[in-house]
Amino acid sequence: MKRFRFNVIGISEVRWRGKGEISGGDLIWSGEDSTHNRGAGMLRSARAKHTLIGYNPISSRVITARFHTATFKLT
């Protein structure tokens, strides 16, 4: 992420069950409740981690996040 100067990276095929985030807040995901199929995730840099307002794991294929930028709020 640092090499390419990305702050947020979307990930498909996470294949983790349920919904949640890693304790440090670097990764949030949304997957199937019963099987290790499908799944979406979002990997965030330390800079983007502090700008996160909230996230909504809609389904195993869709996750939305809202960030506070310098000039406006971004979804």
PDB file of N, CA and C in Angstrom:
ATOM      1  N   MET A   1       0.828  -1.185   0.000  1.00  0.00           N
ATOM      2  CA  MET A   1       0.000   0.000   0.000  1.00  0.00           C
ATOM      3  C   MET A   1       0.874   1.252   0.000  1.00  0.00           C
ATOM      4  N   LYS A   2       1.918   1.217   0.765  1.00  0.00           N
ATOM      5  CA  LYS A   2       2.789   2.386   0.860  1.00  0.00           C
ATOM      6  C   LYS A   2       3.502   2.656  -0.459  1.00  0.00           C
ATOM      7  N   ARG A   3       3.921   1.596  -1.121  1.00  0.00           N
ATOM      8  CA  ARG A   3       4.660   1.737  -2.375  1.00  0.00           C
ATOM      9  C   ARG A   3       3.836   2.449  -3.447  1.00  0.00           C
ATOM     10  N   PHE A   4       2.550   2.114  -3.531  1.00  0.00           N
ATOM     11  CA  PHE A   4       1.679   2.707  -4.544  1.00  0.00           C
ATOM     12  C   PHE A   4       0.884   3.901  -4.019  1.00  0.00           C
ATOM     13  N   ARG A   5       1.080   4.261  -2.763  1.00  0.00           N
ATOM     14  CA  ARG A   5       0.393   5.383  -2.114  1.00  0.00           C
ATOM     15  C   ARG A   5      -1.122   5.203  -2.078  1.00  0.00           C
ATOM     16  N   PHE A   6      -1.568   3.980  -1.824  1.00  0.00           N
ATOM     17  CA  PHE A   6      -2.993   3.700  -1.645  1.00  0.00           C
ATOM     18  C   PHE A   6      -3.315   3.771  -0.160  1.00  0.00           C
ATOM     19  N   ASN A   7      -4.462   4.333   0.171  1.00  0.00           N
ATOM     20  CA  ASN A   7      -4.911   4.373   1.554  1.00  0.00           C
ATOM     21  C   ASN A   7      -6.019   3.368   1.822  1.00  0.00           C
ATOM     22  N   VAL A   8      -6.790   3.025   0.792  1.00  0.00           N
ATOM     23  CA  VAL A   8      -7.872   2.049   0.926  1.00  0.00           C
ATOM     24  C   VAL A   8      -7.818   1.109  -0.272  1.00  0.00           C
ATOM     25  N   ILE A   9      -7.894  -0.193   0.005  1.00  0.00           N
ATOM     26  CA  ILE A   9      -7.905  -1.193  -1.058  1.00  0.00           C
ATOM     27  C   ILE A   9      -9.107  -2.105  -0.838  1.00  0.00           C
ATOM     28  N   GLY A  10      -9.931  -2.267  -1.872  1.00  0.00           N
ATOM     29  CA  GLY A  10     -11.061  -3.186  -1.820  1.00  0.00           C
ATOM     30  C   GLY A  10     -10.601  -4.591  -2.166  1.00  0.00           C
ATOM     31  N   ILE A  11     -11.114  -5.578  -1.442  1.00  0.00           N
ATOM     32  CA  ILE A  11     -10.709  -6.965  -1.636  1.00  0.00           C
ATOM     33  C   ILE A  11     -11.944  -7.805  -1.925  1.00  0.00           C
ATOM     34  N   SER A  12     -11.867  -8.643  -2.947  1.00  0.00           N
ATOM     35  CA  SER A  12     -12.955  -9.582  -3.228  1.00  0.00           C
ATOM     36  C   SER A  12     -12.508 -10.984  -2.831  1.00  0.00           C
ATOM     37  N   GLU A  13     -13.473 -11.881  -2.690  1.00  0.00           N
ATOM     38  CA  GLU A  13     -13.211 -13.276  -2.321  1.00  0.00           C
ATOM     39  C   GLU A  13     -12.430 -13.389  -1.013  1.00  0.00           C
ATOM     40  N   VAL A  14     -12.895 -12.686   0.011  1.00  0.00           N
ATOM     41  CA  VAL A  14     -12.252 -12.761   1.322  1.00  0.00           C
ATOM     42  C   VAL A  14     -12.422 -14.156   1.915  1.00  0.00           C
ATOM     43  N   ARG A  15     -13.587 -14.758   1.767  1.00  0.00           N
ATOM     44  CA  ARG A  15     -13.901 -16.121   2.203  1.00  0.00           C
ATOM     45  C   ARG A  15     -13.816 -16.332   3.715  1.00  0.00           C
ATOM     46  N   TRP A  16     -14.066 -15.289   4.475  1.00  0.00           N
ATOM     47  CA  TRP A  16     -14.152 -15.419   5.922  1.00  0.00           C
ATOM     48  C   TRP A  16     -15.618 -15.396   6.306  1.00  0.00           C
ATOM     49  N   ARG A  17     -15.965 -16.157   7.336  1.00  0.00           N
ATOM     50  CA  ARG A  17     -17.359 -16.222   7.768  1.00  0.00           C
ATOM     51  C   ARG A  17     -17.726 -15.004   8.600  1.00  0.00           C
ATOM     52  N   GLY A  18     -18.978 -14.592   8.464  1.00  0.00           N
ATOM     53  CA  GLY A  18     -19.512 -13.507   9.272  1.00  0.00           C
ATOM     54  C   GLY A  18     -19.073 -12.130   8.813  1.00  0.00           C
ATOM     55  N   LYS A  19     -19.213 -11.176   9.731  1.00  0.00           N
ATOM     56  CA  LYS A  19     -18.873  -9.783   9.455  1.00  0.00           C
ATOM     57  C   LYS A  19     -18.051  -9.258  10.613  1.00  0.00           C
ATOM     58  N   GLY A  20     -17.141  -8.351  10.334  1.00  0.00           N
ATOM     59  CA  GLY A  20     -16.373  -7.782  11.433  1.00  0.00           C
ATOM     60  C   GLY A  20     -15.138  -7.054  10.981  1.00  0.00           C
ATOM     61  N   GLU A  21     -14.262  -6.823  11.954  1.00  0.00           N
ATOM     62  CA  GLU A  21     -13.011  -6.147  11.652  1.00  0.00           C
ATOM     63  C   GLU A  21     -11.905  -6.720  12.529  1.00  0.00           C
ATOM     64  N   ILE A  22     -10.686  -6.641  12.028  1.00  0.00           N
ATOM     65  CA  ILE A  22      -9.517  -7.065  12.782  1.00  0.00           C
ATOM     66  C   ILE A  22      -9.321  -6.072  13.924  1.00  0.00           C
ATOM     67  N   SER A  23      -8.814  -6.525  15.057  1.00  0.00           N
ATOM     68  CA  SER A  23      -8.734  -5.692  16.257  1.00  0.00           C
ATOM     69  C   SER A  23      -8.051  -4.349  16.031  1.00  0.00           C
ATOM     70  N   GLY A  24      -7.034  -4.289  15.201  1.00  0.00           N
ATOM     71  CA  GLY A  24      -6.368  -3.018  14.924  1.00  0.00           C
ATOM     72  C   GLY A  24      -7.168  -2.118  14.005  1.00  0.00           C
ATOM     73  N   GLY A  25      -8.183  -2.655  13.353  1.00  0.00           N
ATOM     74  CA  GLY A  25      -9.010  -1.878  12.441  1.00  0.00           C
ATOM     75  C   GLY A  25      -8.442  -1.765  11.041  1.00  0.00           C
ATOM     76  N   ASP A  26      -7.403  -2.546  10.740  1.00  0.00           N
ATOM     77  CA  ASP A  26      -6.792  -2.471   9.414  1.00  0.00           C
ATOM     78  C   ASP A  26      -7.656  -3.116   8.342  1.00  0.00           C
ATOM     79  N   LEU A  27      -8.416  -4.132   8.695  1.00  0.00           N
ATOM     80  CA  LEU A  27      -9.219  -4.877   7.729  1.00  0.00           C
ATOM     81  C   LEU A  27     -10.640  -5.023   8.242  1.00  0.00           C
ATOM     82  N   ILE A  28     -11.616  -4.675   7.403  1.00  0.00           N
ATOM     83  CA  ILE A  28     -13.019  -4.945   7.704  1.00  0.00           C
ATOM     84  C   ILE A  28     -13.538  -5.862   6.612  1.00  0.00           C
ATOM     85  N   TRP A  29     -14.455  -6.768   6.957  1.00  0.00           N
ATOM     86  CA  TRP A  29     -14.946  -7.735   5.975  1.00  0.00           C
ATOM     87  C   TRP A  29     -16.403  -8.069   6.205  1.00  0.00           C
ATOM     88  N   SER A  30     -17.002  -8.623   5.163  1.00  0.00           N
ATOM     89  CA  SER A  30     -18.366  -9.109   5.189  1.00  0.00           C
ATOM     90  C   SER A  30     -18.409 -10.378   4.359  1.00  0.00           C
ATOM     91  N   GLY A  31     -18.837 -11.483   4.965  1.00  0.00           N
ATOM     92  CA  GLY A  31     -18.867 -12.756   4.261  1.00  0.00           C
ATOM     93  C   GLY A  31     -20.124 -13.541   4.573  1.00  0.00           C
ATOM     94  N   GLU A  32     -20.205 -14.744   4.028  1.00  0.00           N
ATOM     95  CA  GLU A  32     -21.324 -15.643   4.304  1.00  0.00           C
ATOM     96  C   GLU A  32     -21.292 -16.049   5.775  1.00  0.00           C
ATOM     97  N   ASP A  33     -22.465 -16.282   6.360  1.00  0.00           N
ATOM     98  CA  ASP A  33     -22.523 -16.683   7.761  1.00  0.00           C
ATOM     99  C   ASP A  33     -22.191 -18.157   7.968  1.00  0.00           C
ATOM    100  N   SER A  34     -22.512 -19.001   6.983  1.00  0.00           N
ATOM    101  CA  SER A  34     -22.364 -20.441   7.200  1.00  0.00           C
ATOM    102  C   SER A  34     -21.215 -21.085   6.430  1.00  0.00           C
ATOM    103  N   THR A  35     -20.846 -20.545   5.282  1.00  0.00           N
ATOM    104  CA  THR A  35     -19.810 -21.183   4.471  1.00  0.00           C
ATOM    105  C   THR A  35     -18.665 -20.214   4.191  1.00  0.00           C
ATOM    106  N   HIS A  36     -17.561 -20.759   3.755  1.00  0.00           N
ATOM    107  CA  HIS A  36     -16.395 -19.942   3.398  1.00  0.00           C
ATOM    108  C   HIS A  36     -16.436 -19.598   1.917  1.00  0.00           C
ATOM    109  N   ASN A  37     -17.548 -19.064   1.454  1.00  0.00           N
ATOM    110  CA  ASN A  37     -17.715 -18.651   0.062  1.00  0.00           C
ATOM    111  C   ASN A  37     -17.939 -17.153   0.005  1.00  0.00           C
ATOM    112  N   ARG A  38     -17.589 -16.582  -1.136  1.00  0.00           N
ATOM    113  CA  ARG A  38     -17.789 -15.157  -1.413  1.00  0.00           C
ATOM    114  C   ARG A  38     -17.068 -14.297  -0.377  1.00  0.00           C
ATOM    115  N   GLY A  39     -17.514 -13.095  -0.202  1.00  0.00           N
ATOM    116  CA  GLY A  39     -16.930 -12.197   0.782  1.00  0.00           C
ATOM    117  C   GLY A  39     -16.289 -10.983   0.151  1.00  0.00           C
ATOM    118  N   ALA A  40     -16.381  -9.881   0.846  1.00  0.00           N
ATOM    119  CA  ALA A  40     -15.764  -8.628   0.414  1.00  0.00           C
ATOM    120  C   ALA A  40     -15.069  -8.011   1.613  1.00  0.00           C
ATOM    121  N   GLY A  41     -14.046  -7.259   1.342  1.00  0.00           N
ATOM    122  CA  GLY A  41     -13.301  -6.643   2.428  1.00  0.00           C
ATOM    123  C   GLY A  41     -12.690  -5.326   2.016  1.00  0.00           C
ATOM    124  N   MET A  42     -12.161  -4.631   3.004  1.00  0.00           N
ATOM    125  CA  MET A  42     -11.525  -3.353   2.765  1.00  0.00           C
ATOM    126  C   MET A  42     -10.293  -3.271   3.658  1.00  0.00           C
ATOM    127  N   LEU A  43      -9.149  -3.106   3.044  1.00  0.00           N
ATOM    128  CA  LEU A  43      -7.884  -2.965   3.752  1.00  0.00           C
ATOM    129  C   LEU A  43      -7.545  -1.479   3.813  1.00  0.00           C
ATOM    130  N   ARG A  44      -7.241  -0.987   5.019  1.00  0.00           N
ATOM    131  CA  ARG A  44      -7.011   0.450   5.192  1.00  0.00           C
ATOM    132  C   ARG A  44      -5.622   0.721   5.747  1.00  0.00           C
ATOM    133  N   SER A  45      -5.035   1.804   5.305  1.00  0.00           N
ATOM    134  CA  SER A  45      -3.746   2.234   5.842  1.00  0.00           C
ATOM    135  C   SER A  45      -3.974   2.889   7.206  1.00  0.00           C
ATOM    136  N   ALA A  46      -2.901   3.170   7.903  1.00  0.00           N
ATOM    137  CA  ALA A  46      -3.015   3.841   9.202  1.00  0.00           C
ATOM    138  C   ALA A  46      -3.651   5.221   9.039  1.00  0.00           C
ATOM    139  N   ARG A  47      -3.354   5.879   7.944  1.00  0.00           N
ATOM    140  CA  ARG A  47      -3.929   7.202   7.684  1.00  0.00           C
ATOM    141  C   ARG A  47      -5.438   7.121   7.468  1.00  0.00           C
ATOM    142  N   ALA A  48      -5.891   6.149   6.694  1.00  0.00           N
ATOM    143  CA  ALA A  48      -7.320   5.997   6.416  1.00  0.00           C
ATOM    144  C   ALA A  48      -8.075   5.444   7.618  1.00  0.00           C
ATOM    145  N   LYS A  49      -7.398   4.720   8.474  1.00  0.00           N
ATOM    146  CA  LYS A  49      -8.042   4.140   9.647  1.00  0.00           C
ATOM    147  C   LYS A  49      -8.614   5.228  10.555  1.00  0.00           C
ATOM    148  N   HIS A  50      -7.930   6.357  10.647  1.00  0.00           N
ATOM    149  CA  HIS A  50      -8.366   7.441  11.522  1.00  0.00           C
ATOM    150  C   HIS A  50      -9.455   8.308  10.897  1.00  0.00           C
ATOM    151  N   THR A  51      -9.670   8.190   9.602  1.00  0.00           N
ATOM    152  CA  THR A  51     -10.690   9.002   8.935  1.00  0.00           C
ATOM    153  C   THR A  51     -12.011   8.255   8.760  1.00  0.00           C
ATOM    154  N   LEU A  52     -12.062   6.987   9.141  1.00  0.00           N
ATOM    155  CA  LEU A  52     -13.286   6.189   8.984  1.00  0.00           C
ATOM    156  C   LEU A  52     -14.367   6.680   9.936  1.00  0.00           C
ATOM    157  N   ILE A  53     -15.527   7.000   9.386  1.00  0.00           N
ATOM    158  CA  ILE A  53     -16.681   7.398  10.188  1.00  0.00           C
ATOM    159  C   ILE A  53     -17.463   6.154  10.598  1.00  0.00           C
ATOM    160  N   GLY A  54     -17.690   5.257   9.644  1.00  0.00           N
ATOM    161  CA  GLY A  54     -18.411   4.028   9.922  1.00  0.00           C
ATOM    162  C   GLY A  54     -18.473   3.156   8.688  1.00  0.00           C
ATOM    163  N   TYR A  55     -18.891   1.908   8.878  1.00  0.00           N
ATOM    164  CA  TYR A  55     -19.038   0.998   7.747  1.00  0.00           C
ATOM    165  C   TYR A  55     -20.289   0.165   7.926  1.00  0.00           C
ATOM    166  N   ASN A  56     -20.795  -0.356   6.806  1.00  0.00           N
ATOM    167  CA  ASN A  56     -22.021  -1.138   6.808  1.00  0.00           C
ATOM    168  C   ASN A  56     -21.824  -2.375   5.940  1.00  0.00           C
ATOM    169  N   PRO A  57     -21.675  -3.557   6.550  1.00  0.00           N
ATOM    170  CA  PRO A  57     -21.580  -4.785   5.761  1.00  0.00           C
ATOM    171  C   PRO A  57     -22.967  -5.202   5.284  1.00  0.00           C
ATOM    172  N   ILE A  58     -23.327  -4.846   4.071  1.00  0.00           N
ATOM    173  CA  ILE A  58     -24.670  -5.064   3.546  1.00  0.00           C
ATOM    174  C   ILE A  58     -24.930  -6.537   3.267  1.00  0.00           C
ATOM    175  N   SER A  59     -24.029  -7.171   2.562  1.00  0.00           N
ATOM    176  CA  SER A  59     -24.171  -8.595   2.251  1.00  0.00           C
ATOM    177  C   SER A  59     -22.780  -9.186   2.111  1.00  0.00           C
ATOM    178  N   SER A  60     -22.730 -10.447   1.689  1.00  0.00           N
ATOM    179  CA  SER A  60     -21.430 -11.090   1.524  1.00  0.00           C
ATOM    180  C   SER A  60     -20.663 -10.545   0.324  1.00  0.00           C
ATOM    181  N   ARG A  61     -21.326  -9.784  -0.520  1.00  0.00           N
ATOM    182  CA  ARG A  61     -20.661  -9.230  -1.703  1.00  0.00           C
ATOM    183  C   ARG A  61     -20.521  -7.712  -1.683  1.00  0.00           C
ATOM    184  N   VAL A  62     -21.175  -7.055  -0.739  1.00  0.00           N
ATOM    185  CA  VAL A  62     -21.172  -5.587  -0.717  1.00  0.00           C
ATOM    186  C   VAL A  62     -20.879  -5.089   0.696  1.00  0.00           C
ATOM    187  N   ILE A  63     -19.949  -4.152   0.785  1.00  0.00           N
ATOM    188  CA  ILE A  63     -19.655  -3.474   2.047  1.00  0.00           C
ATOM    189  C   ILE A  63     -19.437  -1.993   1.721  1.00  0.00           C
ATOM    190  N   THR A  64     -20.036  -1.109   2.504  1.00  0.00           N
ATOM    191  CA  THR A  64     -19.855   0.323   2.282  1.00  0.00           C
ATOM    192  C   THR A  64     -19.128   0.925   3.478  1.00  0.00           C
ATOM    193  N   ALA A  65     -18.400   1.989   3.224  1.00  0.00           N
ATOM    194  CA  ALA A  65     -17.687   2.692   4.291  1.00  0.00           C
ATOM    195  C   ALA A  65     -17.791   4.190   4.038  1.00  0.00           C
ATOM    196  N   ARG A  66     -17.795   4.948   5.119  1.00  0.00           N
ATOM    197  CA  ARG A  66     -17.879   6.410   5.014  1.00  0.00           C
ATOM    198  C   ARG A  66     -16.631   7.005   5.660  1.00  0.00           C
ATOM    199  N   PHE A  67     -15.965   7.878   4.904  1.00  0.00           N
ATOM    200  CA  PHE A  67     -14.725   8.499   5.362  1.00  0.00           C
ATOM    201  C   PHE A  67     -14.884  10.010   5.422  1.00  0.00           C
ATOM    202  N   HIS A  68     -14.183  10.617   6.361  1.00  0.00           N
ATOM    203  CA  HIS A  68     -14.152  12.073   6.477  1.00  0.00           C
ATOM    204  C   HIS A  68     -12.871  12.557   5.809  1.00  0.00           C
ATOM    205  N   THR A  69     -12.997  13.283   4.696  1.00  0.00           N
ATOM    206  CA  THR A  69     -11.829  13.822   3.996  1.00  0.00           C
ATOM    207  C   THR A  69     -11.625  15.282   4.394  1.00  0.00           C
ATOM    208  N   ALA A  70     -10.642  15.918   3.816  1.00  0.00           N
ATOM    209  CA  ALA A  70     -10.331  17.309   4.164  1.00  0.00           C
ATOM    210  C   ALA A  70     -11.459  18.265   3.792  1.00  0.00           C
ATOM    211  N   THR A  71     -12.187  17.974   2.713  1.00  0.00           N
ATOM    212  CA  THR A  71     -13.214  18.913   2.249  1.00  0.00           C
ATOM    213  C   THR A  71     -14.646  18.397   2.350  1.00  0.00           C
ATOM    214  N   PHE A  72     -14.843  17.085   2.379  1.00  0.00           N
ATOM    215  CA  PHE A  72     -16.198  16.535   2.417  1.00  0.00           C
ATOM    216  C   PHE A  72     -16.170  15.114   2.957  1.00  0.00           C
ATOM    217  N   LYS A  73     -17.364  14.550   3.132  1.00  0.00           N
ATOM    218  CA  LYS A  73     -17.485  13.158   3.568  1.00  0.00           C
ATOM    219  C   LYS A  73     -17.697  12.283   2.346  1.00  0.00           C
ATOM    220  N   LEU A  74     -17.033  11.144   2.305  1.00  0.00           N
ATOM    221  CA  LEU A  74     -17.010  10.279   1.135  1.00  0.00           C
ATOM    222  C   LEU A  74     -17.532   8.898   1.489  1.00  0.00           C
ATOM    223  N   THR A  75     -18.441   8.344   0.657  1.00  0.00           N
ATOM    224  CA  THR A  75     -18.942   6.988   0.845  1.00  0.00           C
ATOM    225  C   THR A  75     -18.461   6.127  -0.294  1.00  0.00           C
TER     226      THR A  75
END
